[in-house]
Amino acid sequence: MQRIKVQYKKGAEVKFISHRDLMRAFQRAIRRADLPVAYSQGFNPHMKISWGNAIKVGATSDNEFAELQIDGWLKPLELIDRLNRHLPKGLEIIDAFVV
């Protein structure tokens, strides 16, 4: 099990989406990028992602963080490359590092 902390930016193109829609966009991009993210156990499994504070609707930010639990081993630079290919315009991974 590996934990990778990512720093991302929410640009002007997506400033009117809610925090929940932002989380859904990331989860969709993770599935499309075929990343080996860890899932919770139980009746309704979900991706193990820890999010920072929610950004209010209408705001942009260049310094937001999320922590992903990876099932296996993945280089942070590979994660950045694979995720950025599938994220919508306005969302971009700036940096990633192993925690």
N, C-alpha and C. Protein backbone atom coordinates (compact mmCIF):
# COMPACT_ATOMS: atom_id res chain seq x y z
N MET A 1 0.85 -1.18 0.00
CA MET A 1 0.00 0.00 0.00
C MET A 1 0.89 1.24 0.00
N GLN A 2 0.63 2.15 -0.89
CA GLN A 2 1.40 3.38 -1.03
C GLN A 2 0.45 4.57 -0.97
N ARG A 3 0.90 5.65 -0.33
CA ARG A 3 0.10 6.88 -0.29
C ARG A 3 0.84 7.96 -1.05
N ILE A 4 0.13 8.59 -1.99
CA ILE A 4 0.71 9.67 -2.78
C ILE A 4 -0.13 10.92 -2.57
N LYS A 5 0.53 12.00 -2.19
CA LYS A 5 -0.14 13.28 -2.02
C LYS A 5 0.03 14.07 -3.30
N VAL A 6 -1.06 14.58 -3.84
CA VAL A 6 -1.01 15.36 -5.07
C VAL A 6 -1.42 16.80 -4.79
N GLN A 7 -0.75 17.70 -5.47
CA GLN A 7 -1.11 19.12 -5.43
C GLN A 7 -1.74 19.41 -6.77
N TYR A 8 -2.95 19.98 -6.74
CA TYR A 8 -3.65 20.26 -7.98
C TYR A 8 -4.14 21.69 -8.02
N LYS A 9 -4.53 22.08 -9.22
CA LYS A 9 -5.03 23.44 -9.41
C LYS A 9 -6.42 23.37 -10.00
N LYS A 10 -7.29 24.25 -9.51
CA LYS A 10 -8.66 24.38 -10.03
C LYS A 10 -8.71 25.73 -10.73
N GLY A 11 -8.75 25.69 -12.06
CA GLY A 11 -8.68 26.90 -12.86
C GLY A 11 -10.03 27.54 -13.13
N ALA A 12 -10.00 28.59 -13.91
CA ALA A 12 -11.20 29.38 -14.22
C ALA A 12 -12.24 28.58 -15.01
N GLU A 13 -11.78 27.59 -15.79
CA GLU A 13 -12.73 26.80 -16.60
C GLU A 13 -13.68 25.97 -15.75
N VAL A 14 -13.27 25.60 -14.56
CA VAL A 14 -14.10 24.74 -13.69
C VAL A 14 -14.43 25.40 -12.36
N LYS A 15 -14.35 26.72 -12.30
CA LYS A 15 -14.56 27.38 -11.02
C LYS A 15 -15.99 27.30 -10.51
N PHE A 16 -16.95 26.96 -11.37
CA PHE A 16 -18.35 26.90 -10.93
C PHE A 16 -18.82 25.48 -10.62
N ILE A 17 -17.88 24.51 -10.51
CA ILE A 17 -18.31 23.17 -10.10
C ILE A 17 -18.17 23.04 -8.59
N SER A 18 -19.01 22.22 -8.01
CA SER A 18 -19.00 22.03 -6.56
C SER A 18 -17.87 21.09 -6.16
N HIS A 19 -17.65 21.00 -4.86
CA HIS A 19 -16.61 20.10 -4.34
C HIS A 19 -16.95 18.65 -4.68
N ARG A 20 -18.21 18.31 -4.59
CA ARG A 20 -18.63 16.94 -4.90
C ARG A 20 -18.41 16.61 -6.38
N ASP A 21 -18.70 17.56 -7.27
CA ASP A 21 -18.45 17.34 -8.70
C ASP A 21 -16.96 17.26 -8.99
N LEU A 22 -16.16 18.02 -8.26
CA LEU A 22 -14.71 17.96 -8.40
C LEU A 22 -14.20 16.57 -8.01
N MET A 23 -14.71 16.04 -6.91
CA MET A 23 -14.32 14.69 -6.49
C MET A 23 -14.73 13.66 -7.53
N ARG A 24 -15.91 13.80 -8.08
CA ARG A 24 -16.38 12.88 -9.11
C ARG A 24 -15.52 12.94 -10.37
N ALA A 25 -15.08 14.15 -10.75
CA ALA A 25 -14.21 14.31 -11.92
C ALA A 25 -12.87 13.61 -11.69
N PHE A 26 -12.32 13.74 -10.48
CA PHE A 26 -11.07 13.05 -10.17
C PHE A 26 -11.25 11.54 -10.19
N GLN A 27 -12.33 11.05 -9.60
CA GLN A 27 -12.58 9.60 -9.58
C GLN A 27 -12.74 9.05 -10.99
N ARG A 28 -13.43 9.78 -11.83
CA ARG A 28 -13.61 9.37 -13.22
C ARG A 28 -12.27 9.32 -13.94
N ALA A 29 -11.43 10.33 -13.72
CA ALA A 29 -10.11 10.38 -14.36
C ALA A 29 -9.22 9.24 -13.86
N ILE A 30 -9.32 8.91 -12.58
CA ILE A 30 -8.54 7.81 -12.02
C ILE A 30 -8.94 6.49 -12.67
N ARG A 31 -10.24 6.28 -12.83
CA ARG A 31 -10.70 5.05 -13.50
C ARG A 31 -10.24 5.00 -14.95
N ARG A 32 -10.36 6.11 -15.67
CA ARG A 32 -9.95 6.15 -17.08
C ARG A 32 -8.45 5.96 -17.25
N ALA A 33 -7.67 6.47 -16.29
CA ALA A 33 -6.21 6.33 -16.34
C ALA A 33 -5.77 4.94 -15.88
N ASP A 34 -6.71 4.14 -15.40
CA ASP A 34 -6.45 2.78 -14.93
C ASP A 34 -5.38 2.75 -13.85
N LEU A 35 -5.51 3.65 -12.89
CA LEU A 35 -4.58 3.70 -11.76
C LEU A 35 -4.98 2.66 -10.72
N PRO A 36 -4.00 2.02 -10.10
CA PRO A 36 -4.31 0.97 -9.10
C PRO A 36 -4.66 1.54 -7.73
N VAL A 37 -5.72 2.31 -7.67
CA VAL A 37 -6.12 2.95 -6.42
C VAL A 37 -6.78 1.92 -5.51
N ALA A 38 -6.57 2.08 -4.20
CA ALA A 38 -7.16 1.16 -3.22
C ALA A 38 -8.62 1.50 -2.99
N TYR A 39 -9.42 0.48 -2.72
CA TYR A 39 -10.85 0.65 -2.44
C TYR A 39 -11.14 0.20 -1.02
N SER A 40 -12.15 0.82 -0.41
CA SER A 40 -12.59 0.40 0.92
C SER A 40 -13.28 -0.95 0.81
N GLN A 41 -13.37 -1.63 1.93
CA GLN A 41 -14.04 -2.93 1.97
C GLN A 41 -15.48 -2.73 2.41
N GLY A 42 -16.33 -3.65 2.06
CA GLY A 42 -17.70 -3.58 2.54
C GLY A 42 -18.73 -3.64 1.44
N PHE A 43 -19.94 -3.29 1.80
CA PHE A 43 -21.07 -3.42 0.88
C PHE A 43 -20.99 -2.44 -0.29
N ASN A 44 -20.52 -1.22 -0.03
CA ASN A 44 -20.45 -0.19 -1.07
C ASN A 44 -19.02 0.37 -1.13
N PRO A 45 -18.08 -0.34 -1.79
CA PRO A 45 -16.69 0.11 -1.78
C PRO A 45 -16.50 1.42 -2.54
N HIS A 46 -15.59 2.26 -2.04
CA HIS A 46 -15.28 3.51 -2.71
C HIS A 46 -13.77 3.73 -2.67
N MET A 47 -13.28 4.60 -3.54
CA MET A 47 -11.85 4.88 -3.62
C MET A 47 -11.35 5.52 -2.34
N LYS A 48 -10.17 5.13 -1.92
CA LYS A 48 -9.57 5.70 -0.71
C LYS A 48 -8.80 6.96 -1.10
N ILE A 49 -9.49 8.09 -1.01
CA ILE A 49 -8.92 9.39 -1.32
C ILE A 49 -9.28 10.34 -0.18
N SER A 50 -8.29 11.03 0.34
CA SER A 50 -8.52 12.04 1.38
C SER A 50 -8.41 13.41 0.73
N TRP A 51 -9.42 14.23 0.92
CA TRP A 51 -9.46 15.55 0.30
C TRP A 51 -9.17 16.62 1.34
N GLY A 52 -8.62 17.72 0.88
CA GLY A 52 -8.42 18.89 1.74
C GLY A 52 -9.74 19.62 1.93
N ASN A 53 -9.68 20.83 2.39
CA ASN A 53 -10.89 21.63 2.58
C ASN A 53 -11.56 21.92 1.24
N ALA A 54 -12.86 22.02 1.27
CA ALA A 54 -13.62 22.31 0.06
C ALA A 54 -13.40 23.76 -0.37
N ILE A 55 -13.30 23.95 -1.68
CA ILE A 55 -13.18 25.30 -2.24
C ILE A 55 -14.59 25.76 -2.56
N LYS A 56 -14.90 27.00 -2.23
CA LYS A 56 -16.26 27.46 -2.50
C LYS A 56 -16.49 27.59 -4.01
N VAL A 57 -17.73 27.45 -4.40
CA VAL A 57 -18.12 27.54 -5.80
C VAL A 57 -17.83 28.96 -6.29
N GLY A 58 -17.18 29.05 -7.45
CA GLY A 58 -16.85 30.34 -8.03
C GLY A 58 -15.42 30.77 -7.75
N ALA A 59 -14.71 30.01 -6.92
CA ALA A 59 -13.32 30.35 -6.58
C ALA A 59 -12.36 29.46 -7.36
N THR A 60 -11.18 29.99 -7.63
CA THR A 60 -10.10 29.22 -8.24
C THR A 60 -8.99 29.07 -7.22
N SER A 61 -8.12 28.10 -7.45
CA SER A 61 -7.01 27.88 -6.53
C SER A 61 -5.88 27.16 -7.25
N ASP A 62 -4.65 27.50 -6.89
CA ASP A 62 -3.47 26.85 -7.46
C ASP A 62 -2.77 25.95 -6.46
N ASN A 63 -3.35 25.79 -5.27
CA ASN A 63 -2.64 25.09 -4.21
C ASN A 63 -3.60 24.23 -3.39
N GLU A 64 -4.17 23.21 -3.99
CA GLU A 64 -5.07 22.30 -3.30
C GLU A 64 -4.42 20.92 -3.22
N PHE A 65 -4.79 20.14 -2.19
CA PHE A 65 -4.15 18.85 -1.98
C PHE A 65 -5.18 17.73 -1.82
N ALA A 66 -4.78 16.54 -2.25
CA ALA A 66 -5.53 15.32 -2.03
C ALA A 66 -4.52 14.20 -1.84
N GLU A 67 -4.91 13.19 -1.09
CA GLU A 67 -4.02 12.05 -0.84
C GLU A 67 -4.69 10.77 -1.32
N LEU A 68 -4.02 10.06 -2.22
CA LEU A 68 -4.55 8.83 -2.79
C LEU A 68 -3.82 7.63 -2.19
N GLN A 69 -4.56 6.58 -1.89
CA GLN A 69 -3.94 5.33 -1.47
C GLN A 69 -3.88 4.43 -2.70
N ILE A 70 -2.66 4.03 -3.03
CA ILE A 70 -2.42 3.21 -4.22
C ILE A 70 -2.20 1.77 -3.77
N ASP A 71 -2.83 0.83 -4.46
CA ASP A 71 -2.69 -0.59 -4.18
C ASP A 71 -1.53 -1.11 -5.03
N GLY A 72 -0.34 -1.06 -4.50
CA GLY A 72 0.86 -1.45 -5.23
C GLY A 72 1.86 -0.31 -5.21
N TRP A 73 2.65 -0.20 -6.26
CA TRP A 73 3.67 0.83 -6.33
C TRP A 73 3.54 1.60 -7.63
N LEU A 74 3.62 2.94 -7.55
CA LEU A 74 3.50 3.81 -8.72
C LEU A 74 4.39 5.02 -8.51
N LYS A 75 5.15 5.39 -9.53
CA LYS A 75 6.00 6.58 -9.43
C LYS A 75 5.13 7.82 -9.48
N PRO A 76 5.41 8.81 -8.65
CA PRO A 76 4.60 10.04 -8.64
C PRO A 76 4.55 10.73 -10.02
N LEU A 77 5.66 10.75 -10.75
CA LEU A 77 5.66 11.39 -12.07
C LEU A 77 4.76 10.66 -13.06
N GLU A 78 4.70 9.33 -12.94
CA GLU A 78 3.80 8.56 -13.80
C GLU A 78 2.34 8.86 -13.46
N LEU A 79 2.05 9.00 -12.16
CA LEU A 79 0.70 9.35 -11.74
C LEU A 79 0.29 10.72 -12.29
N ILE A 80 1.19 11.70 -12.23
CA ILE A 80 0.90 13.03 -12.76
C ILE A 80 0.58 12.95 -14.25
N ASP A 81 1.42 12.25 -14.99
CA ASP A 81 1.24 12.15 -16.44
C ASP A 81 -0.07 11.46 -16.80
N ARG A 82 -0.34 10.33 -16.17
CA ARG A 82 -1.55 9.57 -16.50
C ARG A 82 -2.82 10.31 -16.11
N LEU A 83 -2.81 10.96 -14.95
CA LEU A 83 -4.01 11.67 -14.50
C LEU A 83 -4.27 12.93 -15.33
N ASN A 84 -3.23 13.69 -15.63
CA ASN A 84 -3.43 14.93 -16.41
C ASN A 84 -3.99 14.67 -17.80
N ARG A 85 -3.72 13.49 -18.36
CA ARG A 85 -4.29 13.15 -19.67
C ARG A 85 -5.81 12.99 -19.62
N HIS A 86 -6.34 12.66 -18.45
CA HIS A 86 -7.77 12.35 -18.34
C HIS A 86 -8.58 13.37 -17.55
N LEU A 87 -7.93 14.32 -16.91
CA LEU A 87 -8.67 15.34 -16.17
C LEU A 87 -9.26 16.37 -17.12
N PRO A 88 -10.41 16.94 -16.78
CA PRO A 88 -11.01 17.97 -17.65
C PRO A 88 -10.17 19.24 -17.66
N LYS A 89 -10.37 20.04 -18.68
CA LYS A 89 -9.65 21.31 -18.80
C LYS A 89 -9.97 22.18 -17.58
N GLY A 90 -8.94 22.73 -16.97
CA GLY A 90 -9.12 23.54 -15.77
C GLY A 90 -8.66 22.85 -14.51
N LEU A 91 -8.62 21.51 -14.52
CA LEU A 91 -8.08 20.74 -13.41
C LEU A 91 -6.73 20.18 -13.86
N GLU A 92 -5.71 20.37 -13.03
CA GLU A 92 -4.37 19.92 -13.41
C GLU A 92 -3.59 19.54 -12.16
N ILE A 93 -2.90 18.40 -12.25
CA ILE A 93 -2.01 17.98 -11.18
C ILE A 93 -0.70 18.73 -11.38
N ILE A 94 -0.26 19.44 -10.34
CA ILE A 94 0.97 20.23 -10.42
C ILE A 94 2.15 19.43 -9.90
N ASP A 95 1.95 18.73 -8.77
CA ASP A 95 3.04 18.00 -8.14
C ASP A 95 2.48 16.79 -7.43
N ALA A 96 3.32 15.78 -7.22
CA ALA A 96 2.93 14.59 -6.47
C ALA A 96 4.16 14.05 -5.76
N PHE A 97 3.95 13.53 -4.57
CA PHE A 97 5.07 12.95 -3.83
C PHE A 97 4.55 11.87 -2.90
N VAL A 98 5.43 10.92 -2.59
CA VAL A 98 5.08 9.81 -1.72
C VAL A 98 5.07 10.30 -0.28
N VAL A 99 4.04 9.91 0.46
CA VAL A 99 3.91 10.29 1.87
C VAL A 99 4.50 9.19 2.74
